[in-house]
Amino acid sequence: MTQFGNVLDDAHIFRMTDDTGMFQHTRYNVPDLDKGYTTDDNARALIMAVMLYENKRKSEYLVLIYRYLAFILYAQNENGHFRNFMTYNRQFTETQGSEECFGRCIWALGYTLASSVMPRGIKEACTSAVSRALPQISFLKHLRGQAYTLIGLGFIDGAKSDDLIFAFADSIAHSFEWCAGEKDWYWFENSLTYDNAVLPWAMFVAFHKTGQKRFLSIARKSIEFLDNDAFRDGFFRPVGCRGWWIRGGEPALFDQQPVEASMSTLAHLAAYEVTGDESMLELAKRSFAWYLGENSRQESLIDAETGGCYDGIMVDGLNRNQGAESIVGYAMANLALENAASAPLGIHNRFLQNKEEASPQSNWRKLGKVILPSWRQVNRK
């Protein structure tokens, strides 16, 4: 499994996983038992393990699928919600996790349920968990929780899923229409913070499932807005978590987190699949290239010795810890790009005719084909 000549080494994935699930954090490259586990990480790890098994059909990856799925099932309450933070001695520290955690679980369950190579028992377990969660889904209020849930429901056929997808997409679209409007701000909130690309990604899924051009227009405008900042120096540089980007201010340059590169890769691949626009595939590759050295440090975030992924770029260098979110996000993006490279041009090519839905000043193709100046020559000050 390679991407840009980079081999996906699974050693750190197994190092981070015990008989309970995937650990949350590390001290350098050593699992930090004191920090325990999260359902968030194990949900994403489940998707990664399914992708690995689909790609290689190795029994050890199926073992990982059972382990991560078992964690999610144990985390689910009787009322359908999911607990998130668990100590090393398998005690949850809260009675209910965040809506984002809920959404990531639905994403993982939906993705696993839709896989054609999953054993029947795994599919039945996923179906049961989704059915238990369904009564809670309509109460979600937070944008990212809604977005993740929408993406997960996109893998599940049925009138109930379709109705929920439309309701969430309409809610997310209202947030965009409320906050956007000025020529310099096309976003869903008055700030860009964490896991940003999941929002336009959800709108691309919503368009695919509903055919509503309103959702496609918002998807395109918002991902272009995100790209205009992230690629303005010719390489991917996400909004930093030390200050984020508050409307009217300047984007924080640090700390840059690996999850943003992963989600940007996946969101652009979704855009490519839905629209067939090859510039989206190119931007997915450039988002992923952040891991491999096309970044503000010009350093790879992949540890060749361990197979792990460093936890980000700080103002004074790389964060040398190698936690779960980092390695799982890297692996998912790597595998998704590999799948896109071996697949035919976007499966929904009929949507290519909707070019007029792009924002009037769209420069997607400029970003995708040229990617602005060379990253080796220009740095944002």
Protein backbone atom coordinates (compact mmCIF):
# COMPACT_ATOMS: atom_id res chain seq x y z
CA MET A 1 0.00 0.00 0.00
CA THR A 2 1.73 3.13 -1.17
CA GLN A 3 0.91 6.75 -1.77
CA PHE A 4 3.39 9.19 -3.27
CA GLY A 5 5.96 6.41 -2.84
CA ASN A 6 5.21 6.23 0.89
CA VAL A 7 4.56 2.76 2.34
CA LEU A 8 1.79 2.49 4.93
CA ASP A 9 3.47 0.75 7.86
CA ASP A 10 0.87 -0.77 10.21
CA ALA A 11 3.30 -1.42 13.10
CA HIS A 12 2.20 1.60 15.12
CA ILE A 13 -1.47 0.72 14.64
CA PHE A 14 -0.90 -2.62 16.36
CA ARG A 15 1.37 -1.02 18.95
CA MET A 16 -1.44 1.37 19.87
CA THR A 17 -4.04 -1.39 20.20
CA ASP A 18 -4.51 -3.76 23.13
CA ASP A 19 -7.31 -6.24 23.88
CA THR A 20 -9.66 -3.35 24.76
CA GLY A 21 -9.14 -1.02 21.84
CA MET A 22 -6.88 1.76 20.60
CA PHE A 23 -5.13 3.98 23.13
CA GLN A 24 -5.75 7.70 22.89
CA HIS A 25 -2.29 9.21 23.40
CA THR A 26 1.40 8.42 23.50
CA ARG A 27 4.52 9.66 25.20
CA TYR A 28 6.62 10.05 22.11
CA ASN A 29 5.96 6.70 20.37
CA VAL A 30 4.99 4.74 23.51
CA PRO A 31 1.28 4.29 24.33
CA ASP A 32 0.28 6.45 27.30
CA LEU A 33 -1.80 4.11 29.46
CA ASP A 34 -2.65 6.91 31.87
CA LYS A 35 -4.76 8.65 29.22
CA GLY A 36 -6.78 5.54 28.42
CA TYR A 37 -9.06 5.30 25.40
CA THR A 38 -11.79 7.25 23.61
CA THR A 39 -14.76 6.08 21.59
CA ASP A 40 -13.91 8.86 19.12
CA ASP A 41 -10.58 7.20 18.31
CA ASN A 42 -11.97 3.68 18.20
CA ALA A 43 -14.77 4.74 15.85
CA ARG A 44 -12.26 6.18 13.40
CA ALA A 45 -10.03 3.16 13.95
CA LEU A 46 -12.93 0.91 12.97
CA ILE A 47 -13.22 2.67 9.61
CA MET A 48 -9.46 2.38 9.13
CA ALA A 49 -9.51 -1.34 9.96
CA VAL A 50 -12.37 -1.96 7.53
CA MET A 51 -10.42 -0.14 4.83
CA LEU A 52 -7.31 -2.21 5.59
CA TYR A 53 -9.28 -5.44 5.43
CA GLU A 54 -10.99 -4.43 2.19
CA ASN A 55 -7.59 -3.68 0.72
CA LYS A 56 -5.61 -6.75 1.86
CA ARG A 57 -8.06 -9.32 3.31
CA LYS A 58 -5.59 -10.14 6.08
CA SER A 59 -7.02 -11.91 9.12
CA GLU A 60 -5.18 -9.61 11.53
CA TYR A 61 -7.17 -6.67 10.19
CA LEU A 62 -10.43 -8.52 10.75
CA VAL A 63 -9.31 -9.03 14.36
CA LEU A 64 -8.93 -5.26 14.65
CA ILE A 65 -12.43 -4.74 13.25
CA TYR A 66 -13.93 -6.99 15.92
CA ARG A 67 -11.96 -5.22 18.64
CA TYR A 68 -12.83 -1.66 17.65
CA LEU A 69 -16.47 -2.55 16.99
CA ALA A 70 -16.72 -4.26 20.37
CA PHE A 71 -15.45 -1.04 21.98
CA ILE A 72 -18.17 1.00 20.26
CA LEU A 73 -20.89 -1.46 21.22
CA TYR A 74 -19.73 -1.38 24.85
CA ALA A 75 -19.67 2.43 24.76
CA GLN A 76 -23.31 2.66 23.66
CA ASN A 77 -25.88 3.31 26.37
CA GLU A 78 -29.31 1.69 26.44
CA ASN A 79 -30.82 4.97 25.23
CA GLY A 80 -28.65 4.93 22.10
CA HIS A 81 -26.05 7.56 23.05
CA PHE A 82 -22.35 6.77 23.31
CA ARG A 83 -19.93 7.34 26.17
CA ASN A 84 -16.51 8.61 25.10
CA PHE A 85 -13.62 8.73 27.60
CA MET A 86 -12.52 5.46 29.19
CA THR A 87 -9.72 4.91 31.70
CA TYR A 88 -7.12 2.17 31.37
CA ASN A 89 -9.13 0.00 33.80
CA ARG A 90 -12.14 0.14 31.44
CA GLN A 91 -14.24 2.63 33.38
CA PHE A 92 -16.02 5.37 31.45
CA THR A 93 -15.60 8.79 33.03
CA GLU A 94 -18.90 10.21 31.73
CA THR A 95 -22.43 9.02 31.22
CA GLN A 96 -22.73 10.48 27.73
CA GLY A 97 -20.21 11.74 25.17
CA SER A 98 -20.43 14.71 22.85
CA GLU A 99 -22.59 14.95 19.76
CA GLU A 100 -19.41 14.77 17.68
CA CYS A 101 -18.60 11.43 19.30
CA PHE A 102 -22.14 10.27 18.50
CA GLY A 103 -21.73 11.35 14.88
CA ARG A 104 -18.37 9.61 14.47
CA CYS A 105 -19.91 6.39 15.79
CA ILE A 106 -22.73 6.59 13.24
CA TRP A 107 -20.14 7.26 10.53
CA ALA A 108 -18.14 4.20 11.59
CA LEU A 109 -21.18 1.94 11.92
CA GLY A 110 -22.58 3.06 8.57
CA TYR A 111 -19.26 2.61 6.80
CA THR A 112 -18.79 -0.86 8.25
CA LEU A 113 -22.36 -1.87 7.51
CA ALA A 114 -21.95 -0.85 3.85
CA SER A 115 -18.77 -2.88 3.31
CA SER A 116 -19.35 -5.85 1.03
CA VAL A 117 -16.66 -7.96 2.72
CA MET A 118 -17.89 -7.80 6.31
CA PRO A 119 -19.06 -11.03 7.98
CA ARG A 120 -22.79 -11.25 8.60
CA GLY A 121 -22.42 -11.04 12.38
CA ILE A 122 -20.56 -7.74 12.14
CA LYS A 123 -23.24 -6.29 9.89
CA GLU A 124 -25.96 -7.45 12.27
CA ALA A 125 -24.16 -5.86 15.22
CA CYS A 126 -23.83 -2.57 13.33
CA THR A 127 -27.50 -2.65 12.35
CA SER A 128 -28.50 -3.21 15.97
CA ALA A 129 -26.37 -0.30 17.20
CA VAL A 130 -27.69 2.06 14.54
CA SER A 131 -31.28 1.04 15.34
CA ARG A 132 -30.68 1.78 19.01
CA ALA A 133 -29.21 5.19 18.14
CA LEU A 134 -31.95 6.23 15.73
CA PRO A 135 -34.33 7.74 18.33
CA GLN A 136 -31.56 10.14 19.41
CA ILE A 137 -30.44 11.26 15.97
CA SER A 138 -33.14 13.84 15.36
CA PHE A 139 -32.18 15.67 18.59
CA LEU A 140 -28.63 16.51 17.43
CA LYS A 141 -28.02 20.28 17.35
CA HIS A 142 -24.27 20.78 16.86
CA LEU A 143 -22.98 21.20 13.33
CA ARG A 144 -20.18 18.64 13.38
CA GLY A 145 -22.31 16.07 15.13
CA GLN A 146 -24.94 16.55 12.46
CA ALA A 147 -22.33 16.44 9.68
CA TYR A 148 -20.71 13.20 10.84
CA THR A 149 -24.10 11.59 11.34
CA LEU A 150 -25.19 12.69 7.87
CA ILE A 151 -22.09 11.13 6.32
CA GLY A 152 -22.72 7.89 8.21
CA LEU A 153 -26.38 7.80 7.17
CA GLY A 154 -25.21 8.26 3.60
CA PHE A 155 -24.02 4.63 3.70
CA ILE A 156 -27.43 3.36 4.84
CA ASP A 157 -30.28 2.99 2.38
CA GLY A 158 -33.88 3.62 3.38
CA ALA A 159 -36.53 6.29 3.68
CA LYS A 160 -35.73 7.00 7.34
CA SER A 161 -32.07 7.66 6.53
CA ASP A 162 -33.01 9.83 3.56
CA ASP A 163 -35.37 11.91 5.69
CA LEU A 164 -32.74 12.45 8.37
CA ILE A 165 -30.11 13.35 5.76
CA PHE A 166 -32.37 16.01 4.29
CA ALA A 167 -33.22 17.41 7.73
CA PHE A 168 -29.57 17.67 8.78
CA ALA A 169 -28.49 19.10 5.43
CA ASP A 170 -31.22 21.71 5.66
CA SER A 171 -30.10 22.63 9.18
CA ILE A 172 -26.43 22.88 8.16
CA ALA A 173 -27.41 24.89 5.08
CA HIS A 174 -29.36 27.35 7.23
CA SER A 175 -26.24 27.87 9.36
CA PHE A 176 -24.24 28.61 6.22
CA GLU A 177 -26.84 31.02 4.84
CA TRP A 178 -27.06 32.79 8.20
CA CYS A 179 -23.30 33.30 8.55
CA ALA A 180 -22.26 33.74 4.93
CA GLY A 181 -23.26 36.52 2.59
CA GLU A 182 -20.21 38.73 2.61
CA LYS A 183 -17.78 38.21 -0.23
CA ASP A 184 -14.94 37.33 2.14
CA TRP A 185 -16.73 34.84 4.42
CA TYR A 186 -18.43 31.73 3.05
CA TRP A 187 -18.63 29.53 6.10
CA PHE A 188 -21.11 27.88 8.50
CA GLU A 189 -19.93 29.66 11.64
CA ASN A 190 -18.21 32.87 12.63
CA SER A 191 -14.98 30.96 13.20
CA LEU A 192 -12.94 28.12 11.72
CA THR A 193 -11.81 25.75 14.42
CA TYR A 194 -11.45 21.97 14.42
CA ASP A 195 -12.34 19.29 11.85
CA ASN A 196 -13.44 21.95 9.40
CA ALA A 197 -13.63 19.96 6.17
CA VAL A 198 -16.35 17.65 7.53
CA LEU A 199 -18.92 20.40 6.93
CA PRO A 200 -18.54 20.80 3.14
CA TRP A 201 -18.02 17.04 2.91
CA ALA A 202 -21.45 16.48 4.49
CA MET A 203 -23.02 18.85 1.98
CA PHE A 204 -21.55 16.92 -0.95
CA VAL A 205 -23.03 13.73 0.52
CA ALA A 206 -26.36 15.52 0.99
CA PHE A 207 -26.41 16.56 -2.66
CA HIS A 208 -25.60 13.03 -3.78
CA LYS A 209 -28.43 11.60 -1.67
CA THR A 210 -31.08 14.27 -2.34
CA GLY A 211 -30.18 15.89 -5.66
CA GLN A 212 -30.80 19.33 -4.11
CA LYS A 213 -28.67 21.88 -5.97
CA ARG A 214 -28.79 24.18 -2.97
CA PHE A 215 -26.64 21.69 -1.07
CA LEU A 216 -24.15 21.39 -3.94
CA SER A 217 -23.80 25.15 -4.16
CA ILE A 218 -23.06 25.42 -0.44
CA ALA A 219 -20.64 22.49 -0.60
CA ARG A 220 -18.69 24.16 -3.39
CA LYS A 221 -18.65 27.64 -1.90
CA SER A 222 -17.57 26.42 1.53
CA ILE A 223 -14.82 24.08 0.38
CA GLU A 224 -13.49 26.79 -1.92
CA PHE A 225 -13.45 29.21 1.02
CA LEU A 226 -11.52 26.67 3.08
CA ASP A 227 -9.10 25.99 0.21
CA ASN A 228 -8.43 29.65 -0.52
CA ASP A 229 -6.86 29.95 2.92
CA ALA A 230 -5.36 26.47 3.31
CA PHE A 231 -3.53 26.50 -0.05
CA ARG A 232 -2.73 30.17 -0.38
CA ASP A 233 1.00 29.51 0.08
CA GLY A 234 1.04 26.69 -2.46
CA PHE A 235 0.93 23.87 0.12
CA PHE A 236 -1.64 22.73 2.65
CA ARG A 237 -1.55 24.79 5.83
CA PRO A 238 -4.63 24.33 8.03
CA VAL A 239 -5.91 26.79 10.59
CA GLY A 240 -3.95 26.36 13.82
CA CYS A 241 -5.54 25.47 17.14
CA ARG A 242 -3.74 28.28 19.00
CA GLY A 243 -6.38 30.89 18.30
CA TRP A 244 -8.22 29.31 15.34
CA TRP A 245 -9.60 31.79 12.80
CA ILE A 246 -12.16 34.18 14.19
CA ARG A 247 -14.14 36.19 11.67
CA GLY A 248 -12.57 39.58 11.19
CA GLY A 249 -9.19 38.36 12.39
CA GLU A 250 -6.28 36.39 10.95
CA PRO A 251 -5.96 32.60 10.82
CA ALA A 252 -3.73 31.12 13.52
CA LEU A 253 -0.66 29.52 11.95
CA PHE A 254 -0.02 26.99 14.75
CA ASP A 255 -0.53 24.34 16.04
CA GLN A 256 -1.42 22.48 12.85
CA GLN A 257 -3.15 19.18 13.57
CA PRO A 258 -3.00 16.02 11.42
CA VAL A 259 -6.78 15.54 11.57
CA GLU A 260 -7.17 18.59 9.30
CA ALA A 261 -5.02 17.04 6.57
CA SER A 262 -6.94 13.78 6.84
CA MET A 263 -10.36 15.37 6.71
CA SER A 264 -9.35 17.69 3.87
CA THR A 265 -8.17 14.65 1.89
CA LEU A 266 -11.43 12.78 2.50
CA ALA A 267 -13.63 15.81 1.81
CA HIS A 268 -11.95 16.51 -1.53
CA LEU A 269 -12.24 12.86 -2.49
CA ALA A 270 -15.96 13.05 -1.75
CA ALA A 271 -16.19 16.18 -3.91
CA TYR A 272 -14.36 14.36 -6.69
CA GLU A 273 -16.64 11.34 -6.44
CA VAL A 274 -19.79 13.45 -6.57
CA THR A 275 -18.78 15.96 -9.24
CA GLY A 276 -16.08 14.21 -11.24
CA ASP A 277 -13.99 17.39 -11.01
CA GLU A 278 -10.39 16.22 -11.26
CA SER A 279 -9.12 19.35 -9.52
CA MET A 280 -10.73 17.97 -6.36
CA LEU A 281 -8.66 14.80 -6.69
CA GLU A 282 -5.56 16.94 -7.09
CA LEU A 283 -6.40 18.92 -3.96
CA ALA A 284 -6.97 15.68 -2.07
CA LYS A 285 -3.44 14.63 -3.02
CA ARG A 286 -2.02 17.99 -1.97
CA SER A 287 -3.84 17.80 1.36
CA PHE A 288 -2.32 14.38 1.98
CA ALA A 289 1.12 15.62 0.92
CA TRP A 290 1.15 17.69 4.15
CA TYR A 291 2.01 14.45 5.97
CA LEU A 292 4.93 13.75 3.68
CA GLY A 293 6.73 17.09 3.85
CA GLU A 294 4.76 19.55 1.72
CA ASN A 295 4.10 21.74 4.73
CA SER A 296 5.41 24.86 6.44
CA ARG A 297 8.25 22.90 8.06
CA GLN A 298 9.15 20.95 4.90
CA GLU A 299 9.40 17.89 7.15
CA SER A 300 7.60 14.55 6.99
CA LEU A 301 5.27 13.83 9.88
CA ILE A 302 5.65 10.09 9.37
CA ASP A 303 8.20 8.39 11.61
CA ALA A 304 10.01 5.92 9.37
CA GLU A 305 11.23 3.97 12.39
CA THR A 306 7.87 3.37 14.08
CA GLY A 307 5.29 3.82 11.32
CA GLY A 308 3.59 6.42 13.52
CA CYS A 309 2.47 9.93 12.66
CA TYR A 310 3.63 12.92 14.69
CA ASP A 311 0.89 14.88 16.43
CA GLY A 312 1.28 18.11 14.51
CA ILE A 313 3.35 21.14 13.65
CA MET A 314 4.03 23.65 16.40
CA VAL A 315 5.71 27.01 16.16
CA ASP A 316 9.03 25.51 17.29
CA GLY A 317 8.85 22.24 15.35
CA LEU A 318 7.05 18.91 15.23
CA ASN A 319 5.05 17.53 18.13
CA ARG A 320 6.94 14.27 18.67
CA ASN A 321 4.05 12.38 20.24
CA GLN A 322 2.28 9.89 17.96
CA GLY A 323 -1.32 9.53 19.14
CA ALA A 324 -4.30 7.62 17.80
CA GLU A 325 -6.00 10.46 15.94
CA SER A 326 -2.81 11.13 13.99
CA ILE A 327 -2.01 7.60 12.80
CA VAL A 328 -5.65 6.69 12.12
CA GLY A 329 -6.28 9.85 10.11
CA TYR A 330 -3.12 9.32 8.11
CA ALA A 331 -3.99 5.69 7.38
CA MET A 332 -7.55 6.50 6.32
CA ALA A 333 -6.42 9.27 3.97
CA ASN A 334 -3.68 7.04 2.54
CA LEU A 335 -6.07 4.16 1.86
CA ALA A 336 -8.81 6.39 0.48
CA LEU A 337 -6.41 7.99 -1.99
CA GLU A 338 -5.15 4.58 -3.03
CA ASN A 339 -8.73 3.46 -3.68
CA ALA A 340 -9.47 6.61 -5.68
CA ALA A 341 -6.38 6.09 -7.82
CA SER A 342 -7.52 2.58 -8.77
CA ALA A 343 -11.17 3.50 -9.38
CA PRO A 344 -12.74 4.93 -12.54
CA LEU A 345 -13.46 8.65 -12.75
CA GLY A 346 -16.07 9.78 -10.21
CA ILE A 347 -19.02 7.40 -10.13
CA HIS A 348 -21.53 10.22 -10.28
CA ASN A 349 -20.36 11.82 -13.51
CA ARG A 350 -23.90 12.88 -14.31
CA PHE A 351 -23.42 15.70 -11.78
CA LEU A 352 -20.76 17.28 -13.98
CA GLN A 353 -23.54 19.13 -15.78
CA ASN A 354 -24.14 21.21 -12.63
CA LYS A 355 -21.06 23.41 -13.10
CA GLU A 356 -23.22 26.53 -12.90
CA GLU A 357 -23.81 25.79 -9.21
CA ALA A 358 -20.24 26.80 -8.38
CA SER A 359 -19.82 30.23 -6.87
CA PRO A 360 -19.46 32.96 -9.56
CA GLN A 361 -15.80 33.63 -8.83
CA SER A 362 -14.88 29.97 -8.41
CA ASN A 363 -11.17 29.29 -8.75
CA TRP A 364 -11.34 25.56 -8.00
CA ARG A 365 -9.63 24.68 -11.24
CA LYS A 366 -6.90 27.23 -10.64
CA LEU A 367 -6.27 25.76 -7.19
CA GLY A 368 -6.45 22.18 -8.41
CA LYS A 369 -4.33 22.46 -11.55
CA VAL A 370 -1.77 25.02 -10.47
CA ILE A 371 -1.93 24.95 -6.65
CA LEU A 372 -0.55 28.47 -6.50
CA PRO A 373 3.24 29.02 -6.12
CA SER A 374 5.65 26.18 -5.32
CA TRP A 375 5.67 25.32 -1.61
CA ARG A 376 9.44 25.28 -1.70
CA GLN A 377 9.59 28.91 -2.73
CA VAL A 378 6.87 30.64 -0.72
CA ASN A 379 6.13 30.70 3.00
CA ARG A 380 3.33 32.51 4.74
CA LYS A 381 4.71 35.03 7.15
